[in-house]
Amino acid sequence: MERLNKLQRYLLYILPVALFFSYYPVFSFGSDQTMNFELSIPLIWLVLFFFVSIPRLIEFFKKFNMKLATLFLFPVYLTLSIIWSPNKLRAILTAGVLWLIIFAAISTYQIFKDKNVVKNTTFKAKILSIFLLTTSVICIFCWLQCLLDVVGISREATLLCPGCTYHTFGFPHPNGFAVEPQFMGNILIAPAILSLYLLSSTDKKRKLYTVFSFIFISTLFLTLSRGAIYSFLIGAAFLTVFYLIKKQKTILLSIPIIIVSCIISLVAQGILSEMSPTNDTFYSGVAKSIHQLTLGKVDIREEAINVPEEKGEISPDNSAEQAIFDGYIESSTFMRFSISERALNTWAKDTKTAIFGVGIGGAGSSVSEVYEDFSPKEIVHNEYISLLLEVGVIGCILAITMTVSLIKAVTKKQLFWLLAVIMAYAFSILFFAGLPNALHIYLLPPLLFFLFPKDQSVINEKIKSRNH
């Protein structure tokens, strides 16, 4: 039993590292008409953690009561929906991953509930250190990806996704070890908000946490993922406003850090544009980035038009390569809205589907039955619409009930910075759906919840009041 406990703790040390490798390396086992069969490092971690946690899980379910049962109504309903899902194999695999996530959260709770673990302060400190240091290393790798790309290193070596290279905008935007920049950016949300909270809530290591904040946030902006950036800004805004209300004025440090981090990223994109083999200049790179991030609302590109000669000795007769896009990619947004509209139309096609849904894992298959030009492999790029389609009104009500219960637990512990992370994640899934590439959304909050027993700013306030 003690060996299993040690293995559990070691796996928790590994978790913050494993989550960054959501796509590279990937172990492929072929595909069918509706899905690819792939295994990633986080999925392997989930399976291993489940097996070493079986004794703790048995102990937990022995003490199971009706109060806890309400938290399981949603996953049980999801599992039952396999019965009417049009894609049984995908449904079974999705339900399996969902239960592994739930078991991982329960096991994490059991570990931190252990008196020996609670007393061992180095255990928690190590996890936090690993999380922050790993994030820093991955961020450095992202910057290296961009630099290697503009000097001509191939995608096979840099691991950049097909649309991430300088060919797209004239400058690269990194995806790290994730499949796309939006997932790389998304996983940076939690460490970015956490670093802002840490530097504002304690006087110790404030300089170090400030450095972490700059690294995490500037890299997040460098990904150019609007979904991740908007989500982070919403979470950071909540964090700032709430702690200002609590008279924790040091949180104001987050504002200049975010602004300067954004500027660092824009300058980097300008430099990378100047360095790339395209006819883009420093100015055109910055202008394109701003145009893309603001959905085409802020357009300062006109000054950069018709001045490719400014870069090197380029002439009309010997022109440099031209980037594919000159700014905001409107077709990408239109495509997402179009898929969401089709999913909603499929959900509303009859009363049975509207109430019960088409079944877990059945979104792509069900939409393709209504729209012939829709691939069964395609996903709905909105987790809420995808969930509504697959589990209907009943499933959504159960999901809301479970979510409210979990949020109550977070607010009871006064972990409002974690609530900011959850809010950011909740907004981010407006832009994508699915589990495999976004396991950090479901695994990081439980780990951070148990890692911090209470809000440090609240503790500091109590200490100050006693001293006075």
Protein backbone atom coordinates (compact mmCIF):
# COMPACT_ATOMS: atom_id res chain seq x y z
CA MET A 1 0.00 0.00 0.00
CA GLU A 2 2.83 2.40 0.87
CA ARG A 3 4.45 1.77 -2.50
CA LEU A 4 1.21 2.66 -4.25
CA ASN A 5 0.94 5.84 -2.18
CA LYS A 6 4.46 6.82 -3.21
CA LEU A 7 3.63 6.12 -6.86
CA GLN A 8 0.55 8.33 -6.54
CA ARG A 9 2.59 11.18 -5.15
CA TYR A 10 5.22 10.80 -7.88
CA LEU A 11 2.50 10.84 -10.52
CA LEU A 12 1.14 14.07 -9.04
CA TYR A 13 4.63 15.52 -9.38
CA ILE A 14 4.58 14.49 -13.04
CA LEU A 15 1.06 15.79 -13.79
CA PRO A 16 2.02 19.48 -14.37
CA VAL A 17 4.66 18.26 -16.83
CA ALA A 18 2.48 15.68 -18.61
CA LEU A 19 -0.33 18.15 -19.32
CA PHE A 20 1.90 20.21 -21.62
CA PHE A 21 2.47 17.20 -23.90
CA SER A 22 -1.13 16.87 -25.05
CA TYR A 23 -0.18 16.08 -28.66
CA TYR A 24 3.58 15.60 -28.99
CA PRO A 25 4.43 12.81 -28.72
CA VAL A 26 1.26 11.15 -30.00
CA PHE A 27 0.81 7.41 -30.46
CA SER A 28 -1.49 6.73 -33.40
CA PHE A 29 -3.45 3.50 -33.87
CA GLY A 30 -5.25 4.36 -37.10
CA SER A 31 -8.70 5.84 -37.57
CA ASP A 32 -12.21 5.18 -38.79
CA GLN A 33 -14.81 7.40 -40.48
CA THR A 34 -15.64 9.26 -37.26
CA MET A 35 -12.44 9.54 -35.22
CA ASN A 36 -8.69 9.09 -34.94
CA PHE A 37 -7.40 6.54 -32.46
CA GLU A 38 -4.57 8.30 -30.65
CA LEU A 39 -2.94 8.08 -27.27
CA SER A 40 -1.19 11.03 -25.62
CA ILE A 41 0.99 11.47 -22.54
CA PRO A 42 -1.86 12.97 -20.42
CA LEU A 43 -4.14 10.04 -21.33
CA ILE A 44 -1.42 7.55 -20.39
CA TRP A 45 -1.00 9.45 -17.11
CA LEU A 46 -4.74 9.16 -16.43
CA VAL A 47 -4.70 5.39 -16.92
CA LEU A 48 -1.61 4.88 -14.73
CA PHE A 49 -2.99 7.14 -12.00
CA PHE A 50 -6.25 5.21 -12.00
CA PHE A 51 -4.55 1.84 -11.47
CA VAL A 52 -2.32 3.01 -8.63
CA SER A 53 -5.33 4.77 -7.04
CA ILE A 54 -7.67 1.78 -6.91
CA PRO A 55 -7.21 1.17 -3.14
CA ARG A 56 -7.99 4.82 -2.35
CA LEU A 57 -10.99 4.76 -4.68
CA ILE A 58 -12.36 1.68 -2.93
CA GLU A 59 -11.90 3.43 0.40
CA PHE A 60 -13.74 6.50 -0.92
CA PHE A 61 -16.74 4.64 -2.31
CA LYS A 62 -17.12 2.66 0.90
CA LYS A 63 -18.02 5.95 2.58
CA PHE A 64 -20.20 7.10 -0.33
CA ASN A 65 -23.40 8.90 0.70
CA MET A 66 -26.41 10.53 -0.94
CA LYS A 67 -24.92 14.01 -0.53
CA LEU A 68 -22.09 13.00 -2.85
CA ALA A 69 -24.52 11.27 -5.22
CA THR A 70 -25.68 14.60 -6.66
CA LEU A 71 -22.18 15.19 -8.02
CA PHE A 72 -22.35 11.92 -9.95
CA LEU A 73 -25.75 12.40 -11.61
CA PHE A 74 -24.24 14.15 -14.63
CA PRO A 75 -21.48 11.62 -15.42
CA VAL A 76 -23.93 8.75 -14.84
CA TYR A 77 -26.38 10.33 -17.29
CA LEU A 78 -23.58 10.85 -19.81
CA THR A 79 -22.66 7.19 -19.50
CA LEU A 80 -26.27 6.07 -19.93
CA SER A 81 -26.50 8.13 -23.12
CA ILE A 82 -24.13 5.61 -24.75
CA ILE A 83 -27.27 3.52 -25.25
CA TRP A 84 -28.76 5.94 -27.80
CA SER A 85 -25.54 7.42 -29.18
CA PRO A 86 -25.11 6.96 -32.96
CA ASN A 87 -21.36 6.47 -32.44
CA LYS A 88 -21.04 3.76 -29.80
CA LEU A 89 -17.25 3.35 -29.92
CA ARG A 90 -16.57 7.07 -29.57
CA ALA A 91 -19.22 7.26 -26.84
CA ILE A 92 -17.60 4.47 -24.81
CA LEU A 93 -14.11 5.95 -25.15
CA THR A 94 -15.31 9.47 -24.22
CA ALA A 95 -17.22 8.16 -21.20
CA GLY A 96 -14.13 6.20 -20.19
CA VAL A 97 -11.92 9.30 -20.26
CA LEU A 98 -14.57 11.24 -18.32
CA TRP A 99 -14.64 8.64 -15.53
CA LEU A 100 -10.84 8.56 -15.42
CA ILE A 101 -10.89 12.34 -14.85
CA ILE A 102 -13.44 11.93 -12.04
CA PHE A 103 -11.43 9.13 -10.43
CA ALA A 104 -8.27 11.27 -10.70
CA ALA A 105 -10.01 14.15 -8.88
CA ILE A 106 -11.26 11.80 -6.14
CA SER A 107 -7.82 10.23 -5.71
CA THR A 108 -6.19 13.67 -5.53
CA TYR A 109 -8.66 14.58 -2.79
CA GLN A 110 -7.81 11.36 -0.93
CA ILE A 111 -4.07 12.04 -1.17
CA PHE A 112 -4.32 15.57 0.20
CA LYS A 113 -6.70 14.37 2.88
CA ASP A 114 -3.99 12.01 4.14
CA LYS A 115 -2.57 13.44 7.40
CA ASN A 116 0.98 12.48 6.45
CA VAL A 117 0.69 14.42 3.19
CA VAL A 118 -0.90 17.45 4.86
CA LYS A 119 1.96 17.66 7.34
CA ASN A 120 4.52 17.29 4.57
CA THR A 121 4.79 20.90 3.35
CA THR A 122 7.59 20.04 0.93
CA PHE A 123 5.16 17.84 -1.07
CA LYS A 124 2.95 20.81 -1.96
CA ALA A 125 5.93 23.13 -2.46
CA LYS A 126 7.49 20.66 -4.91
CA ILE A 127 4.32 20.41 -7.00
CA LEU A 128 4.03 24.19 -7.19
CA SER A 129 7.72 24.55 -8.09
CA ILE A 130 7.46 21.86 -10.78
CA PHE A 131 4.38 23.54 -12.20
CA LEU A 132 5.94 27.00 -12.43
CA LEU A 133 9.36 25.81 -13.65
CA THR A 134 7.89 23.44 -16.23
CA THR A 135 5.67 26.21 -17.57
CA SER A 136 8.74 28.45 -17.88
CA VAL A 137 10.69 25.81 -19.81
CA ILE A 138 7.78 25.18 -22.19
CA CYS A 139 7.41 28.93 -22.72
CA ILE A 140 11.09 29.18 -23.64
CA PHE A 141 10.58 26.30 -26.07
CA CYS A 142 7.69 28.23 -27.68
CA TRP A 143 9.95 31.24 -28.28
CA LEU A 144 12.62 28.91 -29.64
CA GLN A 145 10.03 27.36 -32.01
CA CYS A 146 9.38 30.78 -33.51
CA LEU A 147 13.04 31.67 -33.87
CA LEU A 148 13.93 28.34 -35.51
CA ASP A 149 11.00 28.67 -37.91
CA VAL A 150 12.04 32.05 -39.34
CA VAL A 151 15.64 30.88 -39.85
CA GLY A 152 14.40 28.01 -41.99
CA ILE A 153 14.24 24.95 -39.72
CA SER A 154 11.55 22.50 -40.87
CA ARG A 155 8.27 21.84 -39.07
CA GLU A 156 9.31 18.26 -38.39
CA ALA A 157 12.05 19.63 -36.13
CA THR A 158 10.22 22.61 -34.61
CA LEU A 159 6.91 20.72 -34.10
CA LEU A 160 4.95 23.76 -35.30
CA CYS A 161 1.48 22.94 -36.63
CA PRO A 162 0.83 23.49 -40.40
CA GLY A 163 -0.87 26.85 -39.81
CA CYS A 164 1.62 28.02 -37.20
CA THR A 165 4.62 28.81 -39.40
CA TYR A 166 5.65 32.20 -40.76
CA HIS A 167 3.87 31.35 -44.04
CA THR A 168 0.50 32.20 -42.44
CA PHE A 169 1.00 35.76 -41.18
CA GLY A 170 4.65 36.46 -41.93
CA PHE A 171 5.57 35.51 -38.37
CA PRO A 172 5.10 32.17 -36.54
CA HIS A 173 2.83 31.62 -33.57
CA PRO A 174 3.82 28.65 -31.36
CA ASN A 175 1.82 25.61 -30.36
CA GLY A 176 4.44 24.11 -28.02
CA PHE A 177 3.74 20.40 -27.67
CA ALA A 178 -0.01 20.88 -28.25
CA VAL A 179 -1.85 20.27 -31.51
CA GLU A 180 -2.70 23.97 -32.01
CA PRO A 181 -1.79 27.38 -30.50
CA GLN A 182 -5.23 27.67 -28.89
CA PHE A 183 -4.48 24.69 -26.64
CA MET A 184 -0.96 25.92 -25.88
CA GLY A 185 -2.39 29.31 -24.99
CA ASN A 186 -5.19 27.74 -22.99
CA ILE A 187 -2.89 25.74 -20.74
CA LEU A 188 -0.99 28.96 -19.93
CA ILE A 189 -4.14 30.55 -18.47
CA ALA A 190 -3.86 28.84 -15.07
CA PRO A 191 -0.12 29.50 -14.46
CA ALA A 192 -0.51 33.09 -15.69
CA ILE A 193 -3.37 33.88 -13.31
CA LEU A 194 -1.69 31.94 -10.50
CA SER A 195 1.56 33.91 -10.92
CA LEU A 196 -0.35 37.21 -10.79
CA TYR A 197 -2.10 36.09 -7.62
CA LEU A 198 1.14 34.92 -5.98
CA LEU A 199 3.07 38.13 -6.66
CA SER A 200 0.22 40.23 -5.27
CA SER A 201 -0.64 38.14 -2.22
CA THR A 202 2.77 37.65 -0.63
CA ASP A 203 5.93 39.70 -0.13
CA LYS A 204 8.12 36.61 -0.43
CA LYS A 205 9.60 35.86 -3.85
CA ARG A 206 7.63 38.74 -5.43
CA LYS A 207 10.42 39.43 -7.94
CA LEU A 208 10.49 35.77 -8.97
CA TYR A 209 6.70 35.64 -9.43
CA THR A 210 6.89 38.86 -11.46
CA VAL A 211 9.40 37.22 -13.82
CA PHE A 212 7.14 34.17 -14.11
CA SER A 213 4.19 36.44 -14.93
CA PHE A 214 6.05 38.18 -17.74
CA ILE A 215 7.21 34.87 -19.22
CA PHE A 216 3.78 33.18 -19.05
CA ILE A 217 1.66 36.11 -20.24
CA SER A 218 3.95 37.25 -23.07
CA THR A 219 4.08 33.67 -24.37
CA LEU A 220 0.30 33.43 -24.13
CA PHE A 221 0.02 36.55 -26.32
CA LEU A 222 2.67 35.12 -28.66
CA THR A 223 0.40 32.13 -29.45
CA LEU A 224 -2.04 34.61 -31.06
CA SER A 225 -4.91 32.44 -29.83
CA ARG A 226 -7.81 34.85 -29.45
CA GLY A 227 -9.83 32.35 -27.39
CA ALA A 228 -7.02 31.84 -24.90
CA ILE A 229 -6.11 35.53 -24.74
CA TYR A 230 -9.70 36.74 -24.29
CA SER A 231 -10.29 34.07 -21.64
CA PHE A 232 -7.15 35.02 -19.74
CA LEU A 233 -8.09 38.70 -19.80
CA ILE A 234 -11.54 37.90 -18.41
CA GLY A 235 -10.00 35.83 -15.62
CA ALA A 236 -7.39 38.49 -14.88
CA ALA A 237 -10.06 41.21 -14.81
CA PHE A 238 -12.10 39.22 -12.28
CA LEU A 239 -8.97 38.63 -10.20
CA THR A 240 -8.07 42.33 -10.20
CA VAL A 241 -11.56 43.64 -9.44
CA PHE A 242 -12.23 41.13 -6.67
CA TYR A 243 -8.97 41.72 -4.80
CA LEU A 244 -9.37 45.47 -5.18
CA ILE A 245 -12.74 45.12 -3.46
CA LYS A 246 -10.89 43.19 -0.76
CA LYS A 247 -8.48 46.16 -0.56
CA GLN A 248 -5.58 44.02 -1.78
CA LYS A 249 -4.07 46.90 -3.77
CA THR A 250 -0.95 44.99 -4.77
CA ILE A 251 -3.13 43.23 -7.37
CA LEU A 252 -2.83 46.45 -9.41
CA LEU A 253 0.66 45.21 -10.32
CA SER A 254 -1.07 42.81 -12.71
CA ILE A 255 -2.23 45.64 -15.00
CA PRO A 256 1.21 46.96 -16.09
CA ILE A 257 2.52 43.39 -16.28
CA ILE A 258 -0.24 42.39 -18.72
CA ILE A 259 0.22 45.55 -20.82
CA VAL A 260 4.02 45.21 -21.00
CA SER A 261 3.70 41.47 -21.78
CA CYS A 262 1.39 42.29 -24.68
CA ILE A 263 3.87 44.88 -25.98
CA ILE A 264 6.74 42.37 -25.68
CA SER A 265 4.75 39.89 -27.76
CA LEU A 266 3.87 42.48 -30.43
CA VAL A 267 7.48 43.61 -30.68
CA ALA A 268 8.59 39.98 -31.00
CA GLN A 269 6.05 39.37 -33.77
CA GLY A 270 7.33 42.46 -35.55
CA ILE A 271 10.95 41.30 -35.28
CA LEU A 272 10.04 37.79 -36.42
CA SER A 273 8.21 39.30 -39.43
CA GLU A 274 11.32 41.29 -40.28
CA MET A 275 13.46 38.15 -39.98
CA SER A 276 11.17 35.86 -41.95
CA PRO A 277 11.68 35.16 -45.70
CA THR A 278 8.37 36.94 -46.46
CA ASN A 279 8.03 40.53 -47.65
CA ASP A 280 6.61 41.50 -44.25
CA THR A 281 8.24 44.23 -42.19
CA PHE A 282 8.32 44.93 -38.47
CA TYR A 283 5.34 47.25 -38.84
CA SER A 284 3.25 44.92 -41.00
CA GLY A 285 3.79 42.08 -38.52
CA VAL A 286 2.59 44.19 -35.60
CA ALA A 287 -0.34 45.53 -37.64
CA LYS A 288 -1.43 42.02 -38.69
CA SER A 289 -1.29 40.76 -35.11
CA ILE A 290 -3.45 43.65 -33.84
CA HIS A 291 -5.88 43.16 -36.73
CA GLN A 292 -6.23 39.43 -35.97
CA LEU A 293 -6.58 39.88 -32.20
CA THR A 294 -9.27 42.57 -32.54
CA LEU A 295 -11.32 40.59 -35.10
CA GLY A 296 -10.51 43.19 -37.73
CA LYS A 297 -11.87 46.08 -35.65
CA VAL A 298 -8.51 47.83 -35.22
CA ASP A 299 -6.86 48.17 -38.61
CA ILE A 300 -3.55 50.03 -38.83
CA ARG A 301 -2.25 48.00 -41.78
CA GLU A 302 -2.60 50.70 -44.45
CA GLU A 303 0.78 52.27 -43.72
CA ALA A 304 2.41 48.87 -44.28
CA ILE A 305 0.82 48.33 -47.70
CA ASN A 306 3.02 48.56 -50.78
CA VAL A 307 6.30 48.90 -48.86
CA PRO A 308 7.88 45.44 -49.22
CA GLU A 309 11.05 47.16 -50.52
CA GLU A 310 11.78 48.34 -46.98
CA LYS A 311 12.79 44.80 -46.12
CA GLY A 312 16.17 44.03 -47.58
CA GLU A 313 16.81 44.61 -51.27
CA ILE A 314 13.45 43.29 -52.45
CA SER A 315 12.15 44.54 -55.76
CA PRO A 316 9.12 43.73 -57.92
CA ASP A 317 11.37 41.64 -60.16
CA ASN A 318 12.86 39.68 -57.29
CA SER A 319 10.08 39.73 -54.72
CA ALA A 320 10.15 37.84 -51.44
CA GLU A 321 7.63 35.25 -50.42
CA GLN A 322 4.24 36.65 -49.46
CA ALA A 323 2.37 35.49 -46.35
CA ILE A 324 -0.98 33.75 -46.92
CA PHE A 325 -3.00 36.19 -44.79
CA ASP A 326 -2.66 39.93 -44.36
CA GLY A 327 -4.59 40.10 -41.07
CA TYR A 328 -7.81 38.88 -39.48
CA ILE A 329 -8.93 35.51 -40.87
CA GLU A 330 -12.67 36.12 -41.07
CA SER A 331 -13.36 32.73 -42.68
CA SER A 332 -12.17 30.94 -39.52
CA THR A 333 -14.75 32.76 -37.39
CA PHE A 334 -17.47 32.20 -40.00
CA MET A 335 -16.66 28.48 -40.13
CA ARG A 336 -17.02 28.13 -36.35
CA PHE A 337 -20.34 29.97 -36.31
CA SER A 338 -21.59 27.89 -39.23
CA ILE A 339 -20.78 24.60 -37.48
CA SER A 340 -22.42 25.82 -34.26
CA GLU A 341 -25.55 26.82 -36.20
CA ARG A 342 -25.73 23.38 -37.81
CA ALA A 343 -25.31 21.70 -34.41
CA LEU A 344 -28.14 23.80 -32.93
CA ASN A 345 -30.39 22.98 -35.88
CA THR A 346 -29.65 19.28 -35.38
CA TRP A 347 -30.43 19.56 -31.66
CA ALA A 348 -33.76 21.29 -32.37
CA LYS A 349 -34.87 18.85 -35.09
CA ASP A 350 -37.24 16.98 -32.72
CA THR A 351 -38.43 17.00 -29.11
CA LYS A 352 -36.65 13.78 -28.16
CA THR A 353 -33.26 15.10 -29.27
CA ALA A 354 -33.86 18.47 -27.61
CA ILE A 355 -34.65 16.84 -24.25
CA PHE A 356 -32.30 13.83 -24.17
CA GLY A 357 -29.67 14.70 -26.79
CA VAL A 358 -28.17 12.45 -29.45
CA GLY A 359 -25.91 10.71 -26.93
CA ILE A 360 -22.34 11.21 -25.82
CA GLY A 361 -19.80 11.24 -28.67
CA GLY A 362 -22.55 11.55 -31.26
CA ALA A 363 -22.25 15.22 -32.25
CA GLY A 364 -20.28 14.73 -35.48
CA SER A 365 -22.27 11.71 -36.63
CA SER A 366 -25.66 13.29 -35.91
CA VAL A 367 -24.84 16.57 -37.69
CA SER A 368 -23.49 14.66 -40.71
CA GLU A 369 -26.83 12.84 -40.97
CA VAL A 370 -28.62 16.17 -41.37
CA TYR A 371 -25.94 17.91 -43.46
CA GLU A 372 -24.34 15.64 -46.07
CA ASP A 373 -21.30 17.90 -46.55
CA PHE A 374 -20.44 17.70 -42.83
CA SER A 375 -17.73 15.19 -41.92
CA PRO A 376 -18.52 12.81 -39.01
CA LYS A 377 -14.97 13.51 -37.78
CA GLU A 378 -15.69 17.22 -37.44
CA ILE A 379 -16.27 18.59 -33.96
CA VAL A 380 -18.52 21.40 -32.79
CA HIS A 381 -16.15 24.23 -31.85
CA ASN A 382 -18.19 25.19 -28.81
CA GLU A 383 -18.33 22.89 -25.77
CA TYR A 384 -21.70 24.25 -24.61
CA ILE A 385 -23.44 23.67 -27.94
CA SER A 386 -21.74 20.29 -28.30
CA LEU A 387 -22.93 19.31 -24.81
CA LEU A 388 -26.47 20.50 -25.53
CA LEU A 389 -26.55 18.45 -28.72
CA GLU A 390 -25.17 15.30 -27.09
CA VAL A 391 -27.01 15.27 -23.74
CA GLY A 392 -29.95 17.60 -24.30
CA VAL A 393 -31.70 19.81 -21.78
CA ILE A 394 -31.66 17.14 -19.06
CA GLY A 395 -27.91 16.63 -19.30
CA CYS A 396 -27.25 20.39 -19.28
CA ILE A 397 -29.35 20.86 -16.13
CA LEU A 398 -27.37 18.10 -14.41
CA ALA A 399 -24.09 19.65 -15.61
CA ILE A 400 -25.08 23.05 -14.21
CA THR A 401 -26.07 21.47 -10.87
CA MET A 402 -22.70 19.73 -10.57
CA THR A 403 -20.77 22.85 -11.61
CA VAL A 404 -22.58 25.03 -9.05
CA SER A 405 -21.72 22.53 -6.28
CA LEU A 406 -18.03 22.57 -7.26
CA ILE A 407 -17.90 26.37 -7.44
CA LYS A 408 -19.47 26.56 -3.96
CA ALA A 409 -16.59 24.40 -2.68
CA VAL A 410 -14.07 26.81 -4.23
CA THR A 411 -15.74 29.92 -2.78
CA LYS A 412 -16.06 28.24 0.64
CA LYS A 413 -12.27 27.92 0.69
CA GLN A 414 -12.07 31.54 -0.47
CA LEU A 415 -9.87 30.56 -3.40
CA PHE A 416 -11.12 33.41 -5.57
CA TRP A 417 -8.02 33.37 -7.75
CA LEU A 418 -8.93 29.77 -8.64
CA LEU A 419 -12.44 30.94 -9.39
CA ALA A 420 -10.85 33.39 -11.84
CA VAL A 421 -9.09 30.44 -13.53
CA ILE A 422 -12.37 28.50 -13.71
CA MET A 423 -14.15 31.53 -15.20
CA ALA A 424 -11.41 31.86 -17.82
CA TYR A 425 -11.70 28.17 -18.67
CA ALA A 426 -15.50 28.44 -18.83
CA PHE A 427 -15.17 31.23 -21.39
CA SER A 428 -12.45 29.44 -23.36
CA ILE A 429 -14.62 26.42 -24.17
CA LEU A 430 -16.79 28.71 -26.27
CA PHE A 431 -14.04 28.22 -28.86
CA PHE A 432 -13.51 24.45 -28.85
CA ALA A 433 -14.91 21.16 -27.57
CA GLY A 434 -13.62 17.76 -26.53
CA LEU A 435 -11.45 16.17 -23.86
CA PRO A 436 -8.13 14.80 -25.25
CA ASN A 437 -6.51 18.15 -26.10
CA ALA A 438 -7.94 19.98 -23.09
CA LEU A 439 -7.43 17.63 -20.16
CA HIS A 440 -5.69 20.43 -18.24
CA ILE A 441 -9.06 22.20 -17.89
CA TYR A 442 -10.40 19.28 -15.87
CA LEU A 443 -7.25 18.12 -14.07
CA LEU A 444 -5.53 21.35 -13.02
CA PRO A 445 -8.35 22.95 -10.95
CA PRO A 446 -8.67 19.95 -8.57
CA LEU A 447 -4.89 19.84 -8.10
CA LEU A 448 -4.68 23.60 -7.43
CA PHE A 449 -7.74 23.41 -5.17
CA PHE A 450 -6.07 20.92 -2.83
CA LEU A 451 -2.63 22.47 -3.23
CA PHE A 452 -3.74 25.71 -1.57
CA PRO A 453 -5.60 25.16 1.72
CA LYS A 454 -6.80 28.79 1.85
CA ASP A 455 -6.52 32.09 0.05
CA GLN A 456 -3.13 33.51 1.09
CA SER A 457 -4.38 37.10 0.85
CA VAL A 458 -7.04 36.29 3.44
CA ILE A 459 -4.36 34.84 5.72
CA ASN A 460 -2.21 37.96 5.25
CA GLU A 461 -5.16 40.20 6.18
CA LYS A 462 -5.69 38.27 9.42
CA ILE A 463 -1.99 38.50 10.31
CA LYS A 464 -1.97 42.27 9.68
CA SER A 465 -5.12 42.80 11.75
CA ARG A 466 -3.57 40.87 14.67
CA ASN A 467 -0.37 42.90 14.48
CA HIS A 468 -2.38 46.14 14.63
